[in-house]
Amino acid sequence: MAPTCLTSKTLDGLTAFGAGYARYEGVDFEENFRVDIRIRTTQPYGVVFFASDALGFNTISLSVDDGQVEFVAMRNYAKTAVRTGQDASDGNFHEVSIVREGDKITLNMDGYTSSTMLRENVVYSTSHGFWVAGIPHNIPLLLDVVPQLLPFEGAIRSLAINGETVDLHGFSEADQVTLSGTSIRRSTKTYHTVE
């Protein structure tokens, strides 16, 4: 029998079940930013990430809406949205990026790109938190502002903001999400060749 080599693995993703969220502290967006993420779902609706100020008047979010990836920036109830038009709920992993340069937002999914212009060239504060896979149900003000944000069901991997990887296991609070995925970090376990 030929030897089988087991490689080092650790977890760096989340699996969400359509009812929870993970919250992260210290995730800041600048006037210009880039977000890269890999997602997989079979559901037509669900928030991938959401960030807001303390009152919920200034928000940004990436979600799957009617099967398509959509990025929304809201400032004092004025909504700017961009979507790629490609099916994101087919059960396959998709590479998604959002780039803001000045007042232009560009959304890319698997090489399909769409852009729009923001109504105002402002910084969207994330002082109230950065949520992945949903937002808590005990934040009624945010839910009144953005009622379309349903919890995400699927897998989220490789989240990076401005080239800095977000440790998806470094959440400050979480509900109904599990840790999963593969990481480039060194494993704390030792693996041996099986013969």
Protein backbone atom coordinates (compact mmCIF):
# COMPACT_ATOMS: atom_id res chain seq x y z
CA MET A 1 0.00 0.00 0.00
CA ALA A 2 1.33 3.43 -0.96
CA PRO A 3 2.01 5.89 1.88
CA THR A 4 -0.60 8.57 2.48
CA CYS A 5 0.55 11.95 3.72
CA LEU A 6 -1.76 13.92 5.98
CA THR A 7 -1.14 17.65 5.84
CA SER A 8 -1.44 20.23 8.60
CA LYS A 9 -4.86 21.87 8.91
CA THR A 10 -6.47 24.45 11.16
CA LEU A 11 -9.76 26.22 10.92
CA ASP A 12 -10.24 29.66 9.36
CA GLY A 13 -13.84 29.84 8.26
CA LEU A 14 -17.39 29.87 9.48
CA THR A 15 -20.36 27.74 8.64
CA ALA A 16 -23.65 29.50 9.33
CA PHE A 17 -27.04 27.84 9.68
CA GLY A 18 -29.36 30.72 8.79
CA ALA A 19 -30.08 31.84 12.35
CA GLY A 20 -26.91 33.27 13.91
CA TYR A 21 -24.02 35.70 13.59
CA ALA A 22 -20.43 36.37 14.62
CA ARG A 23 -19.37 39.84 15.80
CA TYR A 24 -15.85 41.25 15.47
CA GLU A 25 -14.24 44.24 17.19
CA GLY A 26 -11.58 46.50 15.71
CA VAL A 27 -12.59 46.06 12.06
CA ASP A 28 -12.39 49.53 10.53
CA PHE A 29 -13.24 50.79 7.06
CA GLU A 30 -11.42 53.76 5.63
CA GLU A 31 -12.70 56.14 2.98
CA ASN A 32 -11.15 53.83 0.39
CA PHE A 33 -11.23 50.11 1.12
CA ARG A 34 -11.11 46.63 -0.36
CA VAL A 35 -12.89 43.55 0.98
CA ASP A 36 -12.17 40.05 -0.34
CA ILE A 37 -14.20 37.01 0.72
CA ARG A 38 -15.17 33.51 -0.42
CA ILE A 39 -18.78 32.39 0.07
CA ARG A 40 -20.88 29.31 -0.65
CA THR A 41 -24.65 29.01 -0.23
CA THR A 42 -27.74 27.42 -1.72
CA GLN A 43 -30.08 29.99 -0.18
CA PRO A 44 -31.38 33.02 -2.14
CA TYR A 45 -31.14 35.44 0.82
CA GLY A 46 -28.71 36.14 3.65
CA VAL A 47 -26.30 38.76 5.01
CA VAL A 48 -22.64 37.90 4.48
CA PHE A 49 -21.36 40.88 6.51
CA PHE A 50 -22.78 44.04 8.02
CA ALA A 51 -21.18 47.07 9.71
CA SER A 52 -22.75 50.19 11.19
CA ASP A 53 -22.37 53.18 13.44
CA ALA A 54 -23.95 53.12 16.90
CA LEU A 55 -27.31 54.47 15.69
CA GLY A 56 -27.58 52.39 12.54
CA PHE A 57 -27.88 55.40 10.22
CA ASN A 58 -24.60 54.70 8.40
CA THR A 59 -24.24 51.09 7.31
CA ILE A 60 -22.50 48.90 4.77
CA SER A 61 -23.41 45.32 3.98
CA LEU A 62 -22.74 42.47 1.60
CA SER A 63 -25.59 40.03 1.18
CA VAL A 64 -27.12 37.47 -1.12
CA ASP A 65 -30.41 38.94 -2.35
CA ASP A 66 -32.64 36.96 -4.71
CA GLY A 67 -29.64 34.70 -5.37
CA GLN A 68 -27.33 37.56 -6.38
CA VAL A 69 -24.48 39.17 -4.42
CA GLU A 70 -25.35 42.75 -3.46
CA PHE A 71 -23.32 45.44 -1.69
CA VAL A 72 -25.31 48.22 0.00
CA ALA A 73 -24.05 51.47 1.53
CA MET A 74 -26.61 53.53 3.47
CA ARG A 75 -26.14 57.02 4.87
CA ASN A 76 -29.05 58.61 6.73
CA TYR A 77 -31.49 56.27 4.91
CA ALA A 78 -30.08 57.12 1.46
CA LYS A 79 -29.29 53.74 -0.11
CA THR A 80 -26.65 53.03 -2.75
CA ALA A 81 -26.57 49.42 -4.02
CA VAL A 82 -24.59 47.44 -6.57
CA ARG A 83 -24.99 43.78 -7.60
CA THR A 84 -23.24 41.57 -10.10
CA GLY A 85 -26.27 39.83 -11.60
CA GLN A 86 -24.66 36.38 -11.37
CA ASP A 87 -26.15 33.45 -9.39
CA ALA A 88 -24.38 33.13 -6.04
CA SER A 89 -26.75 30.56 -4.51
CA ASP A 90 -25.69 27.57 -6.64
CA GLY A 91 -23.81 25.70 -3.88
CA ASN A 92 -20.35 26.51 -5.28
CA PHE A 93 -17.67 28.69 -3.70
CA HIS A 94 -17.49 32.20 -5.19
CA GLU A 95 -14.69 34.78 -4.94
CA VAL A 96 -16.21 38.17 -4.11
CA SER A 97 -14.50 41.55 -3.77
CA ILE A 98 -15.74 45.04 -3.03
CA VAL A 99 -13.50 48.01 -3.81
CA ARG A 100 -14.25 51.59 -2.87
CA GLU A 101 -12.17 54.30 -4.52
CA GLY A 102 -13.47 57.78 -3.71
CA ASP A 103 -17.14 57.84 -4.60
CA LYS A 104 -17.01 54.70 -6.78
CA ILE A 105 -17.96 51.22 -5.52
CA THR A 106 -16.99 48.16 -7.59
CA LEU A 107 -18.35 44.69 -6.84
CA ASN A 108 -16.72 41.64 -8.41
CA MET A 109 -17.83 38.01 -8.25
CA ASP A 110 -15.79 35.40 -10.09
CA GLY A 111 -14.61 37.95 -12.65
CA TYR A 112 -18.02 39.56 -13.26
CA THR A 113 -17.83 43.23 -12.30
CA SER A 114 -20.39 45.94 -11.67
CA SER A 115 -19.84 49.50 -10.42
CA THR A 116 -21.87 52.42 -9.14
CA MET A 117 -21.30 55.85 -7.70
CA LEU A 118 -22.02 56.72 -4.07
CA ARG A 119 -24.47 59.55 -3.42
CA GLU A 120 -21.98 61.13 -1.02
CA ASN A 121 -18.23 60.68 -0.65
CA VAL A 122 -18.24 59.80 3.07
CA VAL A 123 -16.59 57.39 5.47
CA TYR A 124 -18.98 54.70 6.70
CA SER A 125 -18.38 54.28 10.42
CA THR A 126 -18.20 50.75 11.81
CA SER A 127 -17.97 51.88 15.41
CA HIS A 128 -20.92 49.73 16.49
CA GLY A 129 -19.49 46.48 15.22
CA PHE A 130 -18.80 44.24 12.27
CA TRP A 131 -21.06 41.21 11.95
CA VAL A 132 -20.58 38.18 9.73
CA ALA A 133 -23.38 35.78 8.70
CA GLY A 134 -26.17 37.83 10.32
CA ILE A 135 -26.96 40.40 12.99
CA PRO A 136 -28.47 39.83 16.44
CA HIS A 137 -32.24 40.03 16.76
CA ASN A 138 -31.95 42.29 19.83
CA ILE A 139 -30.88 45.33 17.79
CA PRO A 140 -34.30 46.69 16.77
CA LEU A 141 -33.01 50.02 15.45
CA LEU A 142 -30.70 48.31 12.96
CA LEU A 143 -33.45 45.89 11.96
CA ASP A 144 -35.81 48.81 11.32
CA VAL A 145 -33.20 50.48 9.12
CA VAL A 146 -32.24 47.37 7.15
CA PRO A 147 -35.05 44.78 7.46
CA GLN A 148 -33.88 42.85 4.39
CA LEU A 149 -30.82 41.45 6.21
CA LEU A 150 -31.73 37.82 6.87
CA PRO A 151 -29.13 35.49 8.44
CA PHE A 152 -26.76 33.73 6.03
CA GLU A 153 -26.80 29.98 5.56
CA GLY A 154 -23.63 28.53 4.08
CA ALA A 155 -19.84 28.79 4.29
CA ILE A 156 -17.70 31.93 4.63
CA ARG A 157 -13.94 31.74 4.08
CA SER A 158 -10.88 33.93 3.54
CA LEU A 159 -12.19 37.32 4.65
CA ALA A 160 -9.65 40.12 4.15
CA ILE A 161 -10.07 43.88 4.52
CA ASN A 162 -7.46 46.10 2.85
CA GLY A 163 -5.21 43.06 2.42
CA GLU A 164 -5.35 42.16 6.14
CA THR A 165 -6.86 38.77 6.89
CA VAL A 166 -9.68 38.81 9.45
CA ASP A 167 -9.29 35.93 11.90
CA LEU A 168 -12.79 34.46 11.61
CA HIS A 169 -12.21 32.62 14.89
CA GLY A 170 -11.39 35.85 16.71
CA PHE A 171 -15.00 36.94 17.22
CA SER A 172 -16.07 38.80 20.35
CA GLU A 173 -19.51 37.20 20.35
CA ALA A 174 -21.20 34.51 18.27
CA ASP A 175 -24.46 32.59 18.04
CA GLN A 176 -25.28 29.53 15.91
CA VAL A 177 -22.15 29.48 13.75
CA THR A 178 -19.47 26.80 13.69
CA LEU A 179 -15.77 27.04 12.91
CA SER A 180 -14.63 25.35 9.72
CA GLY A 181 -12.25 25.61 6.78
CA THR A 182 -8.56 25.40 6.12
CA SER A 183 -5.90 27.90 7.10
CA ILE A 184 -2.38 28.75 5.99
CA ARG A 185 -1.41 29.06 9.66
CA ARG A 186 0.70 26.33 11.21
CA SER A 187 -1.22 23.59 12.94
CA THR A 188 -0.68 22.95 16.64
CA LYS A 189 -1.07 19.22 15.98
CA THR A 190 1.53 16.88 14.56
CA TYR A 191 0.58 14.58 11.71
CA HIS A 192 2.42 11.46 10.61
CA THR A 193 2.61 9.48 7.40
CA VAL A 194 0.27 6.48 7.44
CA GLU A 195 1.47 3.30 5.74
